[in-house]
């Protein structure tokens, strides 16, 4: 049984062009349009307090609590913005 030979010259594959980010016409909604920085910081502080309370305020985890609370609050705010107003 003869073995198939691979081609000696390779044909370069061309990729289809990608759309530029500007070409996509989706409005960029952010929660900063609806919640001010002071209100966001207050929500984060409250969430960080509850995280610290769950571990009996053990020291050494303040930054970890703040960053986790920040991620949690931002996710909830983005979800609220994406789901639209509740009527």
PDB file of N, CA and C in Angstrom:
ATOM      1  N   UNK A   1       0.849  -1.168   0.000  1.00  0.00           N
ATOM      2  CA  UNK A   1       0.000   0.000   0.000  1.00  0.00           C
ATOM      3  C   UNK A   1       0.901   1.239   0.000  1.00  0.00           C
ATOM      4  N   UNK A   2       0.792   2.113  -1.000  1.00  0.00           N
ATOM      5  CA  UNK A   2       1.658   3.289  -1.073  1.00  0.00           C
ATOM      6  C   UNK A   2       1.280   4.308   0.000  1.00  0.00           C
ATOM      7  N   UNK A   3       2.279   4.951   0.484  1.00  0.00           N
ATOM      8  CA  UNK A   3       2.089   5.959   1.522  1.00  0.00           C
ATOM      9  C   UNK A   3       1.871   7.326   0.868  1.00  0.00           C
ATOM     10  N   UNK A   4       0.921   8.101   1.429  1.00  0.00           N
ATOM     11  CA  UNK A   4       0.652   9.426   0.857  1.00  0.00           C
ATOM     12  C   UNK A   4       1.768  10.377   1.236  1.00  0.00           C
ATOM     13  N   UNK A   5       2.172  11.182   0.278  1.00  0.00           N
ATOM     14  CA  UNK A   5       3.219  12.154   0.524  1.00  0.00           C
ATOM     15  C   UNK A   5       2.592  13.472   0.957  1.00  0.00           C
ATOM     16  N   UNK A   6       3.283  14.137   1.840  1.00  0.00           N
ATOM     17  CA  UNK A   6       2.803  15.458   2.234  1.00  0.00           C
ATOM     18  C   UNK A   6       3.300  16.466   1.204  1.00  0.00           C
ATOM     19  N   UNK A   7       2.562  17.525   0.982  1.00  0.00           N
ATOM     20  CA  UNK A   7       2.975  18.497  -0.030  1.00  0.00           C
ATOM     21  C   UNK A   7       4.285  19.184   0.383  1.00  0.00           C
ATOM     22  N   UNK A   8       5.105  19.456  -0.604  1.00  0.00           N
ATOM     23  CA  UNK A   8       6.393  20.078  -0.321  1.00  0.00           C
ATOM     24  C   UNK A   8       6.256  21.577  -0.092  1.00  0.00           C
ATOM     25  N   UNK A   9       5.264  22.181  -0.682  1.00  0.00           N
ATOM     26  CA  UNK A   9       5.028  23.603  -0.451  1.00  0.00           C
ATOM     27  C   UNK A   9       3.763  23.743   0.375  1.00  0.00           C
ATOM     28  N   UNK A  10       3.847  24.548   1.385  1.00  0.00           N
ATOM     29  CA  UNK A  10       2.667  24.730   2.226  1.00  0.00           C
ATOM     30  C   UNK A  10       1.921  25.986   1.802  1.00  0.00           C
ATOM     31  N   UNK A  11       0.626  25.875   1.783  1.00  0.00           N
ATOM     32  CA  UNK A  11      -0.225  27.004   1.438  1.00  0.00           C
ATOM     33  C   UNK A  11      -0.630  27.692   2.731  1.00  0.00           C
ATOM     34  N   UNK A  12      -0.303  28.958   2.890  1.00  0.00           N
ATOM     35  CA  UNK A  12      -0.671  29.633   4.141  1.00  0.00           C
ATOM     36  C   UNK A  12      -2.182  29.807   4.234  1.00  0.00           C
ATOM     37  N   UNK A  13      -2.695  29.547   5.401  1.00  0.00           N
ATOM     38  CA  UNK A  13      -4.131  29.730   5.626  1.00  0.00           C
ATOM     39  C   UNK A  13      -4.394  31.179   5.983  1.00  0.00           C
ATOM     40  N   UNK A  14      -5.463  31.678   5.470  1.00  0.00           N
ATOM     41  CA  UNK A  14      -5.848  33.054   5.765  1.00  0.00           C
ATOM     42  C   UNK A  14      -7.006  33.052   6.739  1.00  0.00           C
ATOM     43  N   UNK A  15      -6.912  33.918   7.675  1.00  0.00           N
ATOM     44  CA  UNK A  15      -7.987  34.049   8.656  1.00  0.00           C
ATOM     45  C   UNK A  15      -8.957  35.120   8.193  1.00  0.00           C
ATOM     46  N   UNK A  16     -10.196  34.925   8.578  1.00  0.00           N
ATOM     47  CA  UNK A  16     -11.174  35.952   8.251  1.00  0.00           C
ATOM     48  C   UNK A  16     -10.919  37.168   9.138  1.00  0.00           C
ATOM     49  N   UNK A  17     -11.152  38.352   8.626  1.00  0.00           N
ATOM     50  CA  UNK A  17     -10.876  39.554   9.421  1.00  0.00           C
ATOM     51  C   UNK A  17     -11.832  39.657  10.602  1.00  0.00           C
ATOM     52  N   UNK A  18     -11.303  40.123  11.707  1.00  0.00           N
ATOM     53  CA  UNK A  18     -12.129  40.320  12.895  1.00  0.00           C
ATOM     54  C   UNK A  18     -12.753  41.692  12.861  1.00  0.00           C
ATOM     55  N   UNK A  19     -13.892  41.780  13.517  1.00  0.00           N
ATOM     56  CA  UNK A  19     -14.533  43.084  13.621  1.00  0.00           C
ATOM     57  C   UNK A  19     -13.784  43.916  14.639  1.00  0.00           C
ATOM     58  N   UNK A  20     -13.636  45.154  14.340  1.00  0.00           N
ATOM     59  CA  UNK A  20     -13.004  46.065  15.289  1.00  0.00           C
ATOM     60  C   UNK A  20     -13.960  46.322  16.444  1.00  0.00           C
ATOM     61  N   UNK A  21     -13.416  46.655  17.583  1.00  0.00           N
ATOM     62  CA  UNK A  21     -14.253  46.906  18.758  1.00  0.00           C
ATOM     63  C   UNK A  21     -15.192  48.081  18.522  1.00  0.00           C
ATOM     64  N   UNK A  22     -14.760  49.037  17.714  1.00  0.00           N
ATOM     65  CA  UNK A  22     -15.606  50.198  17.447  1.00  0.00           C
ATOM     66  C   UNK A  22     -16.776  49.844  16.530  1.00  0.00           C
ATOM     67  N   UNK A  23     -16.604  48.799  15.731  1.00  0.00           N
ATOM     68  CA  UNK A  23     -17.644  48.442  14.774  1.00  0.00           C
ATOM     69  C   UNK A  23     -18.850  47.814  15.457  1.00  0.00           C
ATOM     70  N   UNK A  24     -18.657  47.232  16.620  1.00  0.00           N
ATOM     71  CA  UNK A  24     -19.757  46.627  17.347  1.00  0.00           C
ATOM     72  C   UNK A  24     -20.574  47.738  17.976  1.00  0.00           C
ATOM     73  N   UNK A  25     -21.863  47.745  17.698  1.00  0.00           N
ATOM     74  CA  UNK A  25     -22.698  48.857  18.155  1.00  0.00           C
ATOM     75  C   UNK A  25     -23.537  48.476  19.366  1.00  0.00           C
ATOM     76  N   UNK A  26     -22.879  48.089  20.463  1.00  0.00           N
ATOM     77  CA  UNK A  26     -23.597  47.831  21.695  1.00  0.00           C
ATOM     78  C   UNK A  26     -23.274  48.952  22.669  1.00  0.00           C
ATOM     79  N   UNK A  27     -24.286  49.518  23.272  1.00  0.00           N
ATOM     80  CA  UNK A  27     -24.028  50.601  24.211  1.00  0.00           C
ATOM     81  C   UNK A  27     -23.309  50.072  25.445  1.00  0.00           C
ATOM     82  N   UNK A  28     -22.297  50.766  25.872  1.00  0.00           N
ATOM     83  CA  UNK A  28     -21.522  50.345  27.031  1.00  0.00           C
ATOM     84  C   UNK A  28     -22.191  50.875  28.296  1.00  0.00           C
ATOM     85  N   UNK A  29     -22.962  50.031  28.935  1.00  0.00           N
ATOM     86  CA  UNK A  29     -23.619  50.419  30.173  1.00  0.00           C
ATOM     87  C   UNK A  29     -22.720  50.051  31.340  1.00  0.00           C
ATOM     88  N   UNK A  30     -22.555  50.974  32.232  1.00  0.00           N
ATOM     89  CA  UNK A  30     -21.806  50.700  33.443  1.00  0.00           C
ATOM     90  C   UNK A  30     -22.622  51.143  34.635  1.00  0.00           C
ATOM     91  N   UNK A  31     -22.333  50.534  35.765  1.00  0.00           N
ATOM     92  CA  UNK A  31     -23.084  50.887  36.958  1.00  0.00           C
ATOM     93  C   UNK A  31     -22.730  52.277  37.460  1.00  0.00           C
ATOM     94  N   UNK A  32     -21.582  52.824  37.005  1.00  0.00           N
ATOM     95  CA  UNK A  32     -21.195  54.165  37.458  1.00  0.00           C
ATOM     96  C   UNK A  32     -22.158  55.234  36.956  1.00  0.00           C
ATOM     97  N   UNK A  33     -22.967  54.886  35.953  1.00  0.00           N
ATOM     98  CA  UNK A  33     -23.976  55.828  35.478  1.00  0.00           C
ATOM     99  C   UNK A  33     -25.151  55.925  36.450  1.00  0.00           C
ATOM    100  N   UNK A  34     -25.284  54.905  37.330  1.00  0.00           N
ATOM    101  CA  UNK A  34     -26.430  54.842  38.223  1.00  0.00           C
ATOM    102  C   UNK A  34     -26.056  54.945  39.697  1.00  0.00           C
ATOM    103  N   UNK A  35     -24.817  54.571  40.035  1.00  0.00           N
ATOM    104  CA  UNK A  35     -24.371  54.584  41.419  1.00  0.00           C
ATOM    105  C   UNK A  35     -23.105  55.416  41.491  1.00  0.00           C
ATOM    106  N   UNK A  36     -23.079  56.379  42.379  1.00  0.00           N
ATOM    107  CA  UNK A  36     -21.906  57.224  42.529  1.00  0.00           C
ATOM    108  C   UNK A  36     -20.783  56.516  43.277  1.00  0.00           C
ATOM    109  N   UNK A  37     -19.588  57.070  43.230  1.00  0.00           N
ATOM    110  CA  UNK A  37     -18.452  56.424  43.890  1.00  0.00           C
ATOM    111  C   UNK A  37     -18.607  56.330  45.413  1.00  0.00           C
ATOM    112  N   UNK A  38     -19.257  57.314  46.019  1.00  0.00           N
ATOM    113  CA  UNK A  38     -19.465  57.267  47.468  1.00  0.00           C
ATOM    114  C   UNK A  38     -20.433  56.151  47.845  1.00  0.00           C
ATOM    115  N   UNK A  39     -21.502  56.025  47.059  1.00  0.00           N
ATOM    116  CA  UNK A  39     -22.495  54.986  47.334  1.00  0.00           C
ATOM    117  C   UNK A  39     -21.891  53.595  47.097  1.00  0.00           C
ATOM    118  N   UNK A  40     -21.079  53.461  46.062  1.00  0.00           N
ATOM    119  CA  UNK A  40     -20.411  52.180  45.778  1.00  0.00           C
ATOM    120  C   UNK A  40     -19.459  51.822  46.921  1.00  0.00           C
ATOM    121  N   UNK A  41     -18.683  52.801  47.395  1.00  0.00           N
ATOM    122  CA  UNK A  41     -17.754  52.555  48.500  1.00  0.00           C
ATOM    123  C   UNK A  41     -18.499  52.153  49.767  1.00  0.00           C
ATOM    124  N   UNK A  42     -19.664  52.756  50.005  1.00  0.00           N
ATOM    125  CA  UNK A  42     -20.462  52.399  51.180  1.00  0.00           C
ATOM    126  C   UNK A  42     -20.974  50.965  51.075  1.00  0.00           C
ATOM    127  N   UNK A  43     -21.396  50.557  49.889  1.00  0.00           N
ATOM    128  CA  UNK A  43     -21.853  49.180  49.686  1.00  0.00           C
ATOM    129  C   UNK A  43     -20.708  48.189  49.897  1.00  0.00           C
ATOM    130  N   UNK A  44     -19.535  48.536  49.404  1.00  0.00           N
ATOM    131  CA  UNK A  44     -18.362  47.671  49.561  1.00  0.00           C
ATOM    132  C   UNK A  44     -17.970  47.569  51.031  1.00  0.00           C
ATOM    133  N   UNK A  45     -17.977  48.695  51.739  1.00  0.00           N
ATOM    134  CA  UNK A  45     -17.632  48.696  53.163  1.00  0.00           C
ATOM    135  C   UNK A  45     -18.594  47.820  53.960  1.00  0.00           C
ATOM    136  N   UNK A  46     -19.866  47.900  53.628  1.00  0.00           N
ATOM    137  CA  UNK A  46     -20.862  47.086  54.327  1.00  0.00           C
ATOM    138  C   UNK A  46     -20.641  45.603  54.044  1.00  0.00           C
ATOM    139  N   UNK A  47     -20.394  45.261  52.797  1.00  0.00           N
ATOM    140  CA  UNK A  47     -20.151  43.857  52.444  1.00  0.00           C
ATOM    141  C   UNK A  47     -18.868  43.340  53.099  1.00  0.00           C
ATOM    142  N   UNK A  48     -17.833  44.178  53.165  1.00  0.00           N
ATOM    143  CA  UNK A  48     -16.582  43.781  53.811  1.00  0.00           C
ATOM    144  C   UNK A  48     -16.791  43.580  55.315  1.00  0.00           C
ATOM    145  N   UNK A  49     -17.623  44.414  55.919  1.00  0.00           N
ATOM    146  CA  UNK A  49     -17.936  44.265  57.343  1.00  0.00           C
ATOM    147  C   UNK A  49     -18.600  42.922  57.604  1.00  0.00           C
ATOM    148  N   UNK A  50     -19.564  42.559  56.768  1.00  0.00           N
ATOM    149  CA  UNK A  50     -20.260  41.286  56.972  1.00  0.00           C
ATOM    150  C   UNK A  50     -19.330  40.098  56.750  1.00  0.00           C
ATOM    151  N   UNK A  51     -18.388  40.219  55.816  1.00  0.00           N
ATOM    152  CA  UNK A  51     -17.401  39.156  55.611  1.00  0.00           C
ATOM    153  C   UNK A  51     -16.522  39.005  56.855  1.00  0.00           C
ATOM    154  N   UNK A  52     -16.085  40.130  57.418  1.00  0.00           N
ATOM    155  CA  UNK A  52     -15.253  40.093  58.626  1.00  0.00           C
ATOM    156  C   UNK A  52     -16.043  39.538  59.808  1.00  0.00           C
ATOM    157  N   UNK A  53     -17.303  39.886  59.870  1.00  0.00           N
ATOM    158  CA  UNK A  53     -18.154  39.403  60.957  1.00  0.00           C
ATOM    159  C   UNK A  53     -18.300  37.884  60.900  1.00  0.00           C
ATOM    160  N   UNK A  54     -18.399  37.330  59.682  1.00  0.00           N
ATOM    161  CA  UNK A  54     -18.549  35.873  59.528  1.00  0.00           C
ATOM    162  C   UNK A  54     -17.352  35.115  60.088  1.00  0.00           C
ATOM    163  N   UNK A  55     -16.162  35.726  60.068  1.00  0.00           N
ATOM    164  CA  UNK A  55     -14.981  35.051  60.610  1.00  0.00           C
ATOM    165  C   UNK A  55     -14.582  35.645  61.953  1.00  0.00           C
ATOM    166  N   UNK A  56     -15.527  36.224  62.657  1.00  0.00           N
ATOM    167  CA  UNK A  56     -15.362  36.762  64.015  1.00  0.00           C
ATOM    168  C   UNK A  56     -14.285  37.843  64.098  1.00  0.00           C
ATOM    169  N   UNK A  57     -14.170  38.641  63.073  1.00  0.00           N
ATOM    170  CA  UNK A  57     -13.259  39.783  63.017  1.00  0.00           C
ATOM    171  C   UNK A  57     -11.797  39.408  63.298  1.00  0.00           C
ATOM    172  N   UNK A  58     -11.394  38.226  62.842  1.00  0.00           N
ATOM    173  CA  UNK A  58      -9.996  37.809  63.007  1.00  0.00           C
ATOM    174  C   UNK A  58      -9.105  38.762  62.213  1.00  0.00           C
ATOM    175  N   UNK A  59      -8.034  39.276  62.821  1.00  0.00           N
ATOM    176  CA  UNK A  59      -7.188  40.261  62.124  1.00  0.00           C
ATOM    177  C   UNK A  59      -6.354  39.630  61.017  1.00  0.00           C
ATOM    178  N   UNK A  60      -5.944  40.489  60.086  1.00  0.00           N
ATOM    179  CA  UNK A  60      -5.051  40.054  59.017  1.00  0.00           C
ATOM    180  C   UNK A  60      -5.726  39.760  57.701  1.00  0.00           C
ATOM    181  N   UNK A  61      -7.043  39.926  57.625  1.00  0.00           N
ATOM    182  CA  UNK A  61      -7.767  39.624  56.390  1.00  0.00           C
ATOM    183  C   UNK A  61      -8.532  40.826  55.856  1.00  0.00           C
ATOM    184  N   UNK A  62      -8.161  42.010  56.274  1.00  0.00           N
ATOM    185  CA  UNK A  62      -8.909  43.211  55.919  1.00  0.00           C
ATOM    186  C   UNK A  62      -8.890  43.480  54.415  1.00  0.00           C
ATOM    187  N   UNK A  63      -7.715  43.395  53.820  1.00  0.00           N
ATOM    188  CA  UNK A  63      -7.597  43.655  52.374  1.00  0.00           C
ATOM    189  C   UNK A  63      -8.324  42.576  51.586  1.00  0.00           C
ATOM    190  N   UNK A  64      -8.167  41.341  52.020  1.00  0.00           N
ATOM    191  CA  UNK A  64      -8.857  40.223  51.361  1.00  0.00           C
ATOM    192  C   UNK A  64     -10.375  40.420  51.415  1.00  0.00           C
ATOM    193  N   UNK A  65     -10.881  40.827  52.579  1.00  0.00           N
ATOM    194  CA  UNK A  65     -12.315  41.084  52.723  1.00  0.00           C
ATOM    195  C   UNK A  65     -12.762  42.214  51.805  1.00  0.00           C
ATOM    196  N   UNK A  66     -11.971  43.278  51.750  1.00  0.00           N
ATOM    197  CA  UNK A  66     -12.338  44.432  50.929  1.00  0.00           C
ATOM    198  C   UNK A  66     -12.370  44.058  49.452  1.00  0.00           C
ATOM    199  N   UNK A  67     -11.348  43.357  48.979  1.00  0.00           N
ATOM    200  CA  UNK A  67     -11.293  42.998  47.559  1.00  0.00           C
ATOM    201  C   UNK A  67     -12.409  42.031  47.184  1.00  0.00           C
ATOM    202  N   UNK A  68     -12.694  41.085  48.056  1.00  0.00           N
ATOM    203  CA  UNK A  68     -13.788  40.148  47.781  1.00  0.00           C
ATOM    204  C   UNK A  68     -15.132  40.876  47.778  1.00  0.00           C
ATOM    205  N   UNK A  69     -15.301  41.813  48.708  1.00  0.00           N
ATOM    206  CA  UNK A  69     -16.538  42.592  48.763  1.00  0.00           C
ATOM    207  C   UNK A  69     -16.673  43.475  47.531  1.00  0.00           C
ATOM    208  N   UNK A  70     -15.560  44.045  47.090  1.00  0.00           N
ATOM    209  CA  UNK A  70     -15.568  44.883  45.893  1.00  0.00           C
ATOM    210  C   UNK A  70     -16.007  44.075  44.667  1.00  0.00           C
ATOM    211  N   UNK A  71     -15.471  42.883  44.530  1.00  0.00           N
ATOM    212  CA  UNK A  71     -15.851  42.008  43.414  1.00  0.00           C
ATOM    213  C   UNK A  71     -17.326  41.640  43.496  1.00  0.00           C
ATOM    214  N   UNK A  72     -17.788  41.316  44.685  1.00  0.00           N
ATOM    215  CA  UNK A  72     -19.188  40.930  44.891  1.00  0.00           C
ATOM    216  C   UNK A  72     -20.137  42.081  44.555  1.00  0.00           C
ATOM    217  N   UNK A  73     -19.835  43.258  45.061  1.00  0.00           N
ATOM    218  CA  UNK A  73     -20.698  44.428  44.834  1.00  0.00           C
ATOM    219  C   UNK A  73     -20.709  44.800  43.353  1.00  0.00           C
ATOM    220  N   UNK A  74     -19.539  44.824  42.722  1.00  0.00           N
ATOM    221  CA  UNK A  74     -19.478  45.163  41.297  1.00  0.00           C
ATOM    222  C   UNK A  74     -20.252  44.158  40.451  1.00  0.00           C
ATOM    223  N   UNK A  75     -20.178  42.880  40.785  1.00  0.00           N
ATOM    224  CA  UNK A  75     -20.922  41.860  40.045  1.00  0.00           C
ATOM    225  C   UNK A  75     -22.426  42.064  40.201  1.00  0.00           C
ATOM    226  N   UNK A  76     -22.856  42.364  41.408  1.00  0.00           N
ATOM    227  CA  UNK A  76     -24.287  42.599  41.640  1.00  0.00           C
ATOM    228  C   UNK A  76     -24.772  43.853  40.914  1.00  0.00           C
ATOM    229  N   UNK A  77     -23.954  44.899  40.933  1.00  0.00           N
ATOM    230  CA  UNK A  77     -24.339  46.123  40.234  1.00  0.00           C
ATOM    231  C   UNK A  77     -24.401  45.904  38.727  1.00  0.00           C
ATOM    232  N   UNK A  78     -23.430  45.197  38.170  1.00  0.00           N
ATOM    233  CA  UNK A  78     -23.439  44.920  36.728  1.00  0.00           C
ATOM    234  C   UNK A  78     -24.637  44.056  36.351  1.00  0.00           C
ATOM    235  N   UNK A  79     -24.961  43.093  37.204  1.00  0.00           N
ATOM    236  CA  UNK A  79     -26.133  42.255  36.932  1.00  0.00           C
ATOM    237  C   UNK A  79     -27.398  43.103  36.935  1.00  0.00           C
ATOM    238  N   UNK A  80     -27.489  44.034  37.850  1.00  0.00           N
ATOM    239  CA  UNK A  80     -28.658  44.918  37.909  1.00  0.00           C
ATOM    240  C   UNK A  80     -28.746  45.800  36.677  1.00  0.00           C
ATOM    241  N   UNK A  81     -27.598  46.288  36.182  1.00  0.00           N
ATOM    242  CA  UNK A  81     -27.588  47.133  35.001  1.00  0.00           C
ATOM    243  C   UNK A  81     -27.981  46.317  33.761  1.00  0.00           C
ATOM    244  N   UNK A  82     -27.440  45.105  33.647  1.00  0.00           N
ATOM    245  CA  UNK A  82     -27.720  44.269  32.469  1.00  0.00           C
ATOM    246  C   UNK A  82     -29.148  43.771  32.444  1.00  0.00           C
ATOM    247  N   UNK A  83     -29.741  43.521  33.612  1.00  0.00           N
ATOM    248  CA  UNK A  83     -31.109  43.003  33.626  1.00  0.00           C
ATOM    249  C   UNK A  83     -32.140  44.096  33.400  1.00  0.00           C
ATOM    250  N   UNK A  84     -31.740  45.352  33.513  1.00  0.00           N
ATOM    251  CA  UNK A  84     -32.642  46.452  33.224  1.00  0.00           C
ATOM    252  C   UNK A  84     -33.483  46.815  34.433  1.00  0.00           C
ATOM    253  N   UNK A  85     -34.251  47.875  34.302  1.00  0.00           N
ATOM    254  CA  UNK A  85     -35.082  48.326  35.418  1.00  0.00           C
ATOM    255  C   UNK A  85     -36.224  47.353  35.704  1.00  0.00           C
ATOM    256  N   UNK A  86     -36.522  47.192  36.959  1.00  0.00           N
ATOM    257  CA  UNK A  86     -37.639  46.349  37.384  1.00  0.00           C
ATOM    258  C   UNK A  86     -38.903  47.188  37.448  1.00  0.00           C
ATOM    259  N   UNK A  87     -39.931  46.756  36.745  1.00  0.00           N
ATOM    260  CA  UNK A  87     -41.182  47.525  36.686  1.00  0.00           C
ATOM    261  C   UNK A  87     -42.231  46.862  37.521  1.00  0.00           C
TER     262      UNK A  87
END
